[in-house]
Amino acid sequence: MKITVRQYRSADLPELCRIWNQVVEDGVAFPQEDCLTQPTGAEFFAAQTHTAVAENEAGQVVGLYILHPNNVGRCGHIANASYAVDSALRGEHIGELLVKDSLQQAKANGFRLLQFNAVVADNVHARHLYERLGFVPLGTIPGGFRLKNGQYEDICLYYHLL
């Protein structure tokens, strides 16, 4: 499967919301609890420093990421990103393409670091990917993430110099 990563277009909005909402509804990776609607999704994705989609050779959106500052002012040079892949296509290395592109886009947008604040410890596939791509683990916050079922899971922090 040939995948291309590109900047999102407004026509992508229904698929961006659908894929984003899959992760929100899973309740095991994103901190958000409310799903996006078309209006809230349009506002959310437009507010990012960069929103990108992964699309297959048929032009179908199969994943996305958002990139934005992790903080403001004197810490505004640190980026943060979130990734979502269509649940039917997870394990196809789409996430890897998204992460690699986000590293390039973060640097192109003037960021000096990319930091992840809350990688759920059980998300071993993401953690292995990040570490393979050179992200440095910073530590663990015990019980930092409330799963959909109400249990608490540790979160891991990572950074990558750009």
N, C-alpha and C. Protein backbone atom coordinates (compact mmCIF):
# COMPACT_ATOMS: atom_id res chain seq x y z
N MET A 1 0.85 -1.18 0.00
CA MET A 1 0.00 0.00 0.00
C MET A 1 0.90 1.24 0.00
N LYS A 2 0.72 2.08 -0.99
CA LYS A 2 1.48 3.33 -1.07
C LYS A 2 0.73 4.41 -0.31
N ILE A 3 1.44 5.05 0.63
CA ILE A 3 0.85 6.09 1.47
C ILE A 3 1.59 7.39 1.24
N THR A 4 0.84 8.47 1.09
CA THR A 4 1.41 9.81 0.96
C THR A 4 0.94 10.63 2.15
N VAL A 5 1.84 11.42 2.73
CA VAL A 5 1.48 12.33 3.82
C VAL A 5 1.49 13.74 3.24
N ARG A 6 0.42 14.46 3.47
CA ARG A 6 0.27 15.82 2.94
C ARG A 6 -0.52 16.67 3.93
N GLN A 7 -0.49 17.98 3.72
CA GLN A 7 -1.29 18.89 4.54
C GLN A 7 -2.78 18.62 4.28
N TYR A 8 -3.57 18.73 5.33
CA TYR A 8 -5.00 18.46 5.17
C TYR A 8 -5.68 19.57 4.38
N ARG A 9 -6.80 19.21 3.80
CA ARG A 9 -7.66 20.16 3.09
C ARG A 9 -9.04 20.10 3.75
N SER A 10 -9.82 21.12 3.55
CA SER A 10 -11.15 21.15 4.18
C SER A 10 -12.00 19.96 3.75
N ALA A 11 -11.80 19.46 2.54
CA ALA A 11 -12.56 18.30 2.07
C ALA A 11 -12.25 17.03 2.87
N ASP A 12 -11.11 17.03 3.57
CA ASP A 12 -10.71 15.87 4.38
C ASP A 12 -11.43 15.82 5.73
N LEU A 13 -12.11 16.89 6.08
CA LEU A 13 -12.65 17.04 7.43
C LEU A 13 -13.52 15.86 7.91
N PRO A 14 -14.44 15.34 7.11
CA PRO A 14 -15.24 14.22 7.62
C PRO A 14 -14.38 13.01 8.02
N GLU A 15 -13.36 12.71 7.22
CA GLU A 15 -12.50 11.56 7.54
C GLU A 15 -11.58 11.86 8.72
N LEU A 16 -11.10 13.09 8.83
CA LEU A 16 -10.28 13.45 9.98
C LEU A 16 -11.07 13.27 11.26
N CYS A 17 -12.30 13.77 11.27
CA CYS A 17 -13.14 13.64 12.47
C CYS A 17 -13.43 12.17 12.75
N ARG A 18 -13.74 11.39 11.73
CA ARG A 18 -14.06 9.97 11.93
C ARG A 18 -12.88 9.22 12.56
N ILE A 19 -11.69 9.43 12.02
CA ILE A 19 -10.51 8.71 12.52
C ILE A 19 -10.13 9.22 13.91
N TRP A 20 -10.15 10.54 14.11
CA TRP A 20 -9.85 11.11 15.43
C TRP A 20 -10.82 10.55 16.47
N ASN A 21 -12.10 10.52 16.11
CA ASN A 21 -13.12 10.06 17.05
C ASN A 21 -12.97 8.57 17.38
N GLN A 22 -12.44 7.78 16.46
CA GLN A 22 -12.17 6.37 16.77
C GLN A 22 -11.23 6.27 17.98
N VAL A 23 -10.18 7.08 17.97
CA VAL A 23 -9.21 7.03 19.07
C VAL A 23 -9.84 7.56 20.35
N VAL A 24 -10.59 8.64 20.25
CA VAL A 24 -11.26 9.19 21.44
C VAL A 24 -12.22 8.15 22.02
N GLU A 25 -12.99 7.51 21.17
CA GLU A 25 -13.97 6.53 21.63
C GLU A 25 -13.31 5.28 22.21
N ASP A 26 -12.13 4.91 21.70
CA ASP A 26 -11.39 3.77 22.27
C ASP A 26 -11.07 4.03 23.74
N GLY A 27 -10.77 5.28 24.07
CA GLY A 27 -10.52 5.67 25.46
C GLY A 27 -9.24 5.14 26.05
N VAL A 28 -8.24 4.83 25.21
CA VAL A 28 -6.99 4.27 25.74
C VAL A 28 -5.75 5.03 25.29
N ALA A 29 -5.91 6.16 24.58
CA ALA A 29 -4.73 6.86 24.09
C ALA A 29 -4.84 8.38 24.16
N PHE A 30 -5.95 8.96 23.72
CA PHE A 30 -6.10 10.42 23.73
C PHE A 30 -6.74 10.87 25.04
N PRO A 31 -6.34 12.03 25.55
CA PRO A 31 -6.96 12.52 26.78
C PRO A 31 -8.37 13.06 26.57
N GLN A 32 -8.73 13.42 25.33
CA GLN A 32 -10.06 13.98 25.07
C GLN A 32 -11.14 12.94 25.36
N GLU A 33 -12.28 13.43 25.84
CA GLU A 33 -13.43 12.56 26.09
C GLU A 33 -14.58 12.86 25.14
N ASP A 34 -14.57 14.03 24.53
CA ASP A 34 -15.65 14.43 23.63
C ASP A 34 -15.21 14.27 22.19
N CYS A 35 -16.08 13.69 21.39
CA CYS A 35 -15.81 13.51 19.97
C CYS A 35 -15.97 14.84 19.24
N LEU A 36 -15.31 14.93 18.11
CA LEU A 36 -15.41 16.11 17.26
C LEU A 36 -16.65 16.01 16.37
N THR A 37 -17.27 17.14 16.16
CA THR A 37 -18.33 17.28 15.15
C THR A 37 -17.69 17.98 13.96
N GLN A 38 -18.43 18.13 12.88
CA GLN A 38 -17.87 18.86 11.74
C GLN A 38 -17.46 20.29 12.14
N PRO A 39 -18.32 21.04 12.83
CA PRO A 39 -17.92 22.41 13.21
C PRO A 39 -16.75 22.45 14.20
N THR A 40 -16.80 21.61 15.25
CA THR A 40 -15.70 21.64 16.21
C THR A 40 -14.42 21.08 15.60
N GLY A 41 -14.55 20.10 14.72
CA GLY A 41 -13.39 19.54 14.04
C GLY A 41 -12.73 20.56 13.13
N ALA A 42 -13.53 21.32 12.39
CA ALA A 42 -12.98 22.34 11.49
C ALA A 42 -12.17 23.35 12.28
N GLU A 43 -12.72 23.79 13.41
CA GLU A 43 -12.02 24.75 14.26
C GLU A 43 -10.76 24.14 14.86
N PHE A 44 -10.87 22.92 15.36
CA PHE A 44 -9.75 22.23 16.01
C PHE A 44 -8.58 22.03 15.05
N PHE A 45 -8.84 21.45 13.89
CA PHE A 45 -7.75 21.15 12.96
C PHE A 45 -7.14 22.42 12.36
N ALA A 46 -7.95 23.45 12.14
CA ALA A 46 -7.43 24.71 11.60
C ALA A 46 -6.57 25.44 12.62
N ALA A 47 -6.78 25.21 13.92
CA ALA A 47 -6.04 25.91 14.97
C ALA A 47 -4.63 25.36 15.18
N GLN A 48 -4.31 24.22 14.59
CA GLN A 48 -3.01 23.60 14.79
C GLN A 48 -1.94 24.33 13.96
N THR A 49 -0.70 24.21 14.38
CA THR A 49 0.40 24.71 13.57
C THR A 49 0.44 23.98 12.23
N HIS A 50 0.21 22.68 12.30
CA HIS A 50 0.17 21.86 11.07
C HIS A 50 -0.73 20.66 11.33
N THR A 51 -1.62 20.40 10.41
CA THR A 51 -2.43 19.19 10.42
C THR A 51 -2.15 18.48 9.12
N ALA A 52 -1.81 17.20 9.22
CA ALA A 52 -1.48 16.41 8.03
C ALA A 52 -2.32 15.16 7.98
N VAL A 53 -2.50 14.67 6.76
CA VAL A 53 -3.22 13.41 6.57
C VAL A 53 -2.32 12.43 5.83
N ALA A 54 -2.55 11.16 6.09
CA ALA A 54 -1.96 10.09 5.31
C ALA A 54 -3.06 9.59 4.41
N GLU A 55 -2.77 9.50 3.12
CA GLU A 55 -3.78 8.99 2.20
C GLU A 55 -3.18 7.88 1.35
N ASN A 56 -4.03 6.93 0.98
CA ASN A 56 -3.58 5.83 0.14
C ASN A 56 -3.64 6.23 -1.32
N GLU A 57 -3.24 5.29 -2.20
CA GLU A 57 -3.19 5.60 -3.63
C GLU A 57 -4.56 5.89 -4.23
N ALA A 58 -5.62 5.47 -3.55
CA ALA A 58 -6.99 5.77 -4.00
C ALA A 58 -7.49 7.12 -3.50
N GLY A 59 -6.65 7.83 -2.74
CA GLY A 59 -7.03 9.14 -2.21
C GLY A 59 -7.83 9.09 -0.93
N GLN A 60 -7.92 7.92 -0.30
CA GLN A 60 -8.66 7.78 0.96
C GLN A 60 -7.75 8.18 2.13
N VAL A 61 -8.29 8.97 3.04
CA VAL A 61 -7.55 9.36 4.24
C VAL A 61 -7.51 8.16 5.19
N VAL A 62 -6.31 7.76 5.59
CA VAL A 62 -6.14 6.58 6.45
C VAL A 62 -5.49 6.92 7.78
N GLY A 63 -5.09 8.17 7.97
CA GLY A 63 -4.48 8.60 9.22
C GLY A 63 -4.25 10.09 9.21
N LEU A 64 -3.82 10.61 10.35
CA LEU A 64 -3.59 12.05 10.49
C LEU A 64 -2.70 12.33 11.67
N TYR A 65 -2.17 13.55 11.69
CA TYR A 65 -1.54 14.05 12.91
C TYR A 65 -1.77 15.54 13.03
N ILE A 66 -1.66 16.01 14.26
CA ILE A 66 -1.69 17.44 14.53
C ILE A 66 -0.38 17.81 15.19
N LEU A 67 0.08 19.01 14.91
CA LEU A 67 1.33 19.53 15.46
C LEU A 67 1.06 20.94 15.96
N HIS A 68 1.52 21.24 17.16
CA HIS A 68 1.27 22.55 17.77
C HIS A 68 2.27 22.79 18.87
N PRO A 69 2.38 24.01 19.38
CA PRO A 69 3.29 24.26 20.50
C PRO A 69 2.86 23.47 21.73
N ASN A 70 3.84 22.98 22.46
CA ASN A 70 3.57 22.27 23.70
C ASN A 70 3.30 23.25 24.85
N ASN A 71 3.79 24.47 24.68
CA ASN A 71 3.64 25.49 25.72
C ASN A 71 3.70 26.85 25.06
N VAL A 72 3.84 27.90 25.81
CA VAL A 72 3.85 29.27 25.28
C VAL A 72 5.13 29.98 25.70
N GLY A 73 5.31 31.16 25.15
CA GLY A 73 6.41 32.04 25.57
C GLY A 73 7.77 31.40 25.48
N ARG A 74 8.47 31.39 26.58
CA ARG A 74 9.85 30.90 26.63
C ARG A 74 9.96 29.39 26.41
N CYS A 75 8.84 28.71 26.41
CA CYS A 75 8.82 27.27 26.11
C CYS A 75 8.11 26.99 24.78
N GLY A 76 7.82 28.04 24.03
CA GLY A 76 7.08 27.89 22.79
C GLY A 76 7.87 27.23 21.67
N HIS A 77 9.14 26.98 21.87
CA HIS A 77 9.97 26.32 20.85
C HIS A 77 9.85 24.80 20.92
N ILE A 78 9.05 24.30 21.85
CA ILE A 78 8.84 22.86 21.99
C ILE A 78 7.48 22.52 21.39
N ALA A 79 7.48 21.57 20.48
CA ALA A 79 6.24 21.15 19.82
C ALA A 79 5.65 19.94 20.53
N ASN A 80 4.40 19.69 20.22
CA ASN A 80 3.68 18.50 20.67
C ASN A 80 2.90 17.99 19.47
N ALA A 81 2.65 16.70 19.43
CA ALA A 81 1.91 16.12 18.32
C ALA A 81 1.03 14.98 18.81
N SER A 82 -0.01 14.72 18.05
CA SER A 82 -0.89 13.57 18.29
C SER A 82 -1.13 12.90 16.95
N TYR A 83 -1.25 11.58 16.98
CA TYR A 83 -1.38 10.78 15.76
C TYR A 83 -2.60 9.87 15.87
N ALA A 84 -3.26 9.66 14.74
CA ALA A 84 -4.41 8.75 14.70
C ALA A 84 -4.39 8.03 13.36
N VAL A 85 -4.58 6.71 13.42
CA VAL A 85 -4.63 5.88 12.22
C VAL A 85 -5.96 5.15 12.23
N ASP A 86 -6.59 5.06 11.07
CA ASP A 86 -7.85 4.33 10.94
C ASP A 86 -7.69 2.97 11.60
N SER A 87 -8.64 2.62 12.46
CA SER A 87 -8.52 1.38 13.25
C SER A 87 -8.41 0.13 12.38
N ALA A 88 -8.96 0.17 11.18
CA ALA A 88 -8.89 -0.99 10.28
C ALA A 88 -7.51 -1.17 9.67
N LEU A 89 -6.65 -0.14 9.79
CA LEU A 89 -5.34 -0.18 9.13
C LEU A 89 -4.17 -0.07 10.09
N ARG A 90 -4.43 -0.18 11.37
CA ARG A 90 -3.33 -0.11 12.33
C ARG A 90 -2.41 -1.32 12.13
N GLY A 91 -1.12 -1.09 12.32
CA GLY A 91 -0.13 -2.14 12.10
C GLY A 91 0.45 -2.13 10.71
N GLU A 92 0.03 -1.18 9.87
CA GLU A 92 0.51 -1.09 8.48
C GLU A 92 1.64 -0.06 8.32
N HIS A 93 2.21 0.40 9.41
CA HIS A 93 3.33 1.37 9.43
C HIS A 93 2.92 2.77 8.98
N ILE A 94 1.64 3.05 8.99
CA ILE A 94 1.16 4.40 8.66
C ILE A 94 1.59 5.38 9.74
N GLY A 95 1.49 4.96 10.99
CA GLY A 95 1.91 5.81 12.10
C GLY A 95 3.36 6.22 11.98
N GLU A 96 4.21 5.32 11.54
CA GLU A 96 5.63 5.65 11.37
C GLU A 96 5.82 6.77 10.35
N LEU A 97 5.10 6.70 9.25
CA LEU A 97 5.18 7.76 8.24
C LEU A 97 4.71 9.09 8.81
N LEU A 98 3.65 9.05 9.61
CA LEU A 98 3.13 10.27 10.23
C LEU A 98 4.13 10.87 11.21
N VAL A 99 4.74 10.03 12.04
CA VAL A 99 5.71 10.54 13.01
C VAL A 99 6.91 11.14 12.30
N LYS A 100 7.43 10.45 11.29
CA LYS A 100 8.59 10.97 10.55
C LYS A 100 8.26 12.31 9.90
N ASP A 101 7.08 12.42 9.31
CA ASP A 101 6.69 13.68 8.69
C ASP A 101 6.54 14.77 9.74
N SER A 102 6.00 14.44 10.90
CA SER A 102 5.81 15.45 11.94
C SER A 102 7.15 15.99 12.44
N LEU A 103 8.17 15.15 12.47
CA LEU A 103 9.50 15.61 12.87
C LEU A 103 10.02 16.64 11.85
N GLN A 104 9.81 16.37 10.59
CA GLN A 104 10.23 17.32 9.54
C GLN A 104 9.44 18.62 9.63
N GLN A 105 8.13 18.49 9.80
CA GLN A 105 7.28 19.68 9.87
C GLN A 105 7.56 20.51 11.13
N ALA A 106 7.85 19.84 12.23
CA ALA A 106 8.17 20.57 13.46
C ALA A 106 9.41 21.43 13.24
N LYS A 107 10.43 20.84 12.65
CA LYS A 107 11.66 21.59 12.38
C LYS A 107 11.39 22.72 11.39
N ALA A 108 10.65 22.43 10.33
CA ALA A 108 10.33 23.44 9.31
C ALA A 108 9.53 24.60 9.89
N ASN A 109 8.78 24.35 10.96
CA ASN A 109 7.98 25.38 11.61
C ASN A 109 8.71 26.07 12.76
N GLY A 110 10.01 25.83 12.87
CA GLY A 110 10.83 26.55 13.84
C GLY A 110 10.91 25.96 15.23
N PHE A 111 10.34 24.80 15.43
CA PHE A 111 10.45 24.16 16.74
C PHE A 111 11.84 23.54 16.90
N ARG A 112 12.29 23.42 18.14
CA ARG A 112 13.60 22.83 18.42
C ARG A 112 13.50 21.43 19.01
N LEU A 113 12.35 21.11 19.58
CA LEU A 113 12.11 19.81 20.17
C LEU A 113 10.67 19.40 19.90
N LEU A 114 10.45 18.08 19.92
CA LEU A 114 9.10 17.54 19.89
C LEU A 114 8.95 16.73 21.16
N GLN A 115 7.93 17.04 21.94
CA GLN A 115 7.73 16.38 23.24
C GLN A 115 6.35 15.74 23.29
N PHE A 116 6.31 14.55 23.86
CA PHE A 116 5.04 13.87 24.13
C PHE A 116 4.84 13.87 25.63
N ASN A 117 3.70 14.37 26.07
CA ASN A 117 3.41 14.51 27.50
C ASN A 117 2.72 13.30 28.11
N ALA A 118 2.08 12.49 27.29
CA ALA A 118 1.20 11.47 27.89
C ALA A 118 1.05 10.26 26.97
N VAL A 119 2.12 9.52 26.78
CA VAL A 119 2.03 8.28 26.03
C VAL A 119 1.63 7.19 27.03
N VAL A 120 0.46 6.62 26.84
CA VAL A 120 -0.03 5.62 27.78
C VAL A 120 0.92 4.42 27.78
N ALA A 121 1.32 4.00 28.97
CA ALA A 121 2.35 2.96 29.11
C ALA A 121 1.99 1.67 28.37
N ASP A 122 0.71 1.31 28.33
CA ASP A 122 0.27 0.10 27.63
C ASP A 122 0.35 0.22 26.11
N ASN A 123 0.57 1.41 25.60
CA ASN A 123 0.64 1.62 24.15
C ASN A 123 2.05 1.25 23.67
N VAL A 124 2.36 -0.04 23.79
CA VAL A 124 3.73 -0.51 23.53
C VAL A 124 4.15 -0.33 22.08
N HIS A 125 3.23 -0.44 21.14
CA HIS A 125 3.59 -0.27 19.74
C HIS A 125 4.06 1.16 19.48
N ALA A 126 3.34 2.12 20.01
CA ALA A 126 3.75 3.52 19.85
C ALA A 126 5.08 3.77 20.57
N ARG A 127 5.23 3.25 21.76
CA ARG A 127 6.45 3.47 22.52
C ARG A 127 7.66 2.88 21.80
N HIS A 128 7.51 1.68 21.25
CA HIS A 128 8.62 1.08 20.50
C HIS A 128 8.95 1.92 19.27
N LEU A 129 7.93 2.40 18.58
CA LEU A 129 8.15 3.23 17.40
C LEU A 129 8.90 4.50 17.79
N TYR A 130 8.44 5.20 18.81
CA TYR A 130 9.08 6.44 19.21
C TYR A 130 10.54 6.20 19.58
N GLU A 131 10.80 5.17 20.34
CA GLU A 131 12.18 4.90 20.75
C GLU A 131 13.04 4.51 19.54
N ARG A 132 12.48 3.76 18.61
CA ARG A 132 13.22 3.38 17.40
C ARG A 132 13.56 4.61 16.56
N LEU A 133 12.70 5.62 16.59
CA LEU A 133 12.92 6.84 15.82
C LEU A 133 13.75 7.88 16.58
N GLY A 134 14.27 7.52 17.74
CA GLY A 134 15.17 8.40 18.46
C GLY A 134 14.57 9.25 19.55
N PHE A 135 13.32 9.03 19.90
CA PHE A 135 12.73 9.75 21.02
C PHE A 135 13.35 9.23 22.31
N VAL A 136 13.60 10.14 23.23
CA VAL A 136 14.23 9.81 24.50
C VAL A 136 13.15 9.77 25.58
N PRO A 137 13.06 8.65 26.32
CA PRO A 137 12.09 8.61 27.42
C PRO A 137 12.54 9.48 28.58
N LEU A 138 11.62 10.27 29.11
CA LEU A 138 11.93 11.17 30.22
C LEU A 138 11.54 10.61 31.58
N GLY A 139 10.55 9.75 31.61
CA GLY A 139 10.09 9.21 32.88
C GLY A 139 8.64 8.79 32.78
N THR A 140 8.12 8.39 33.92
CA THR A 140 6.76 7.85 34.00
C THR A 140 5.99 8.58 35.08
N ILE A 141 4.75 8.89 34.80
CA ILE A 141 3.85 9.46 35.80
C ILE A 141 2.85 8.37 36.17
N PRO A 142 2.95 7.86 37.39
CA PRO A 142 2.06 6.77 37.81
C PRO A 142 0.59 7.21 37.80
N GLY A 143 -0.23 6.41 37.15
CA GLY A 143 -1.67 6.67 37.13
C GLY A 143 -2.06 7.97 36.46
N GLY A 144 -1.26 8.45 35.51
CA GLY A 144 -1.51 9.75 34.89
C GLY A 144 -2.61 9.77 33.84
N PHE A 145 -3.13 8.60 33.47
CA PHE A 145 -4.16 8.55 32.43
C PHE A 145 -5.33 7.72 32.93
N ARG A 146 -6.54 8.31 32.82
CA ARG A 146 -7.74 7.57 33.21
C ARG A 146 -8.32 6.91 31.97
N LEU A 147 -8.30 5.59 31.96
CA LEU A 147 -8.85 4.83 30.85
C LEU A 147 -10.37 4.96 30.80
N LYS A 148 -10.95 4.60 29.67
CA LYS A 148 -12.40 4.67 29.48
C LYS A 148 -13.15 3.84 30.53
N ASN A 149 -12.52 2.74 30.97
CA ASN A 149 -13.17 1.87 31.95
C ASN A 149 -13.02 2.36 33.39
N GLY A 150 -12.37 3.53 33.56
CA GLY A 150 -12.22 4.12 34.88
C GLY A 150 -10.94 3.76 35.59
N GLN A 151 -10.19 2.79 35.08
CA GLN A 151 -8.91 2.43 35.70
C GLN A 151 -7.86 3.45 35.29
N TYR A 152 -6.79 3.50 36.08
CA TYR A 152 -5.71 4.45 35.80
C TYR A 152 -4.48 3.70 35.29
N GLU A 153 -3.83 4.31 34.32
CA GLU A 153 -2.64 3.72 33.69
C GLU A 153 -1.52 4.76 33.73
N ASP A 154 -0.30 4.28 33.82
CA ASP A 154 0.85 5.17 33.81
C ASP A 154 0.99 5.83 32.44
N ILE A 155 1.58 7.03 32.44
CA ILE A 155 1.92 7.68 31.19
C ILE A 155 3.43 7.92 31.16
N CYS A 156 3.97 7.89 29.95
CA CYS A 156 5.40 8.08 29.73
C CYS A 156 5.61 9.35 28.93
N LEU A 157 6.65 10.09 29.28
CA LEU A 157 7.00 11.32 28.58
C LEU A 157 8.21 11.05 27.69
N TYR A 158 8.21 11.65 26.50
CA TYR A 158 9.30 11.50 25.54
C TYR A 158 9.65 12.85 24.93
N TYR A 159 10.89 12.95 24.43
CA TYR A 159 11.25 14.13 23.63
C TYR A 159 12.19 13.70 22.52
N HIS A 160 12.26 14.54 21.50
CA HIS A 160 13.16 14.32 20.36
C HIS A 160 13.73 15.68 19.97
N LEU A 161 15.05 15.82 19.96
CA LEU A 161 15.68 17.03 19.48
C LEU A 161 15.53 17.11 17.96
N LEU A 162 15.26 18.28 17.45
CA LEU A 162 15.05 18.43 16.00
C LEU A 162 16.29 19.00 15.32
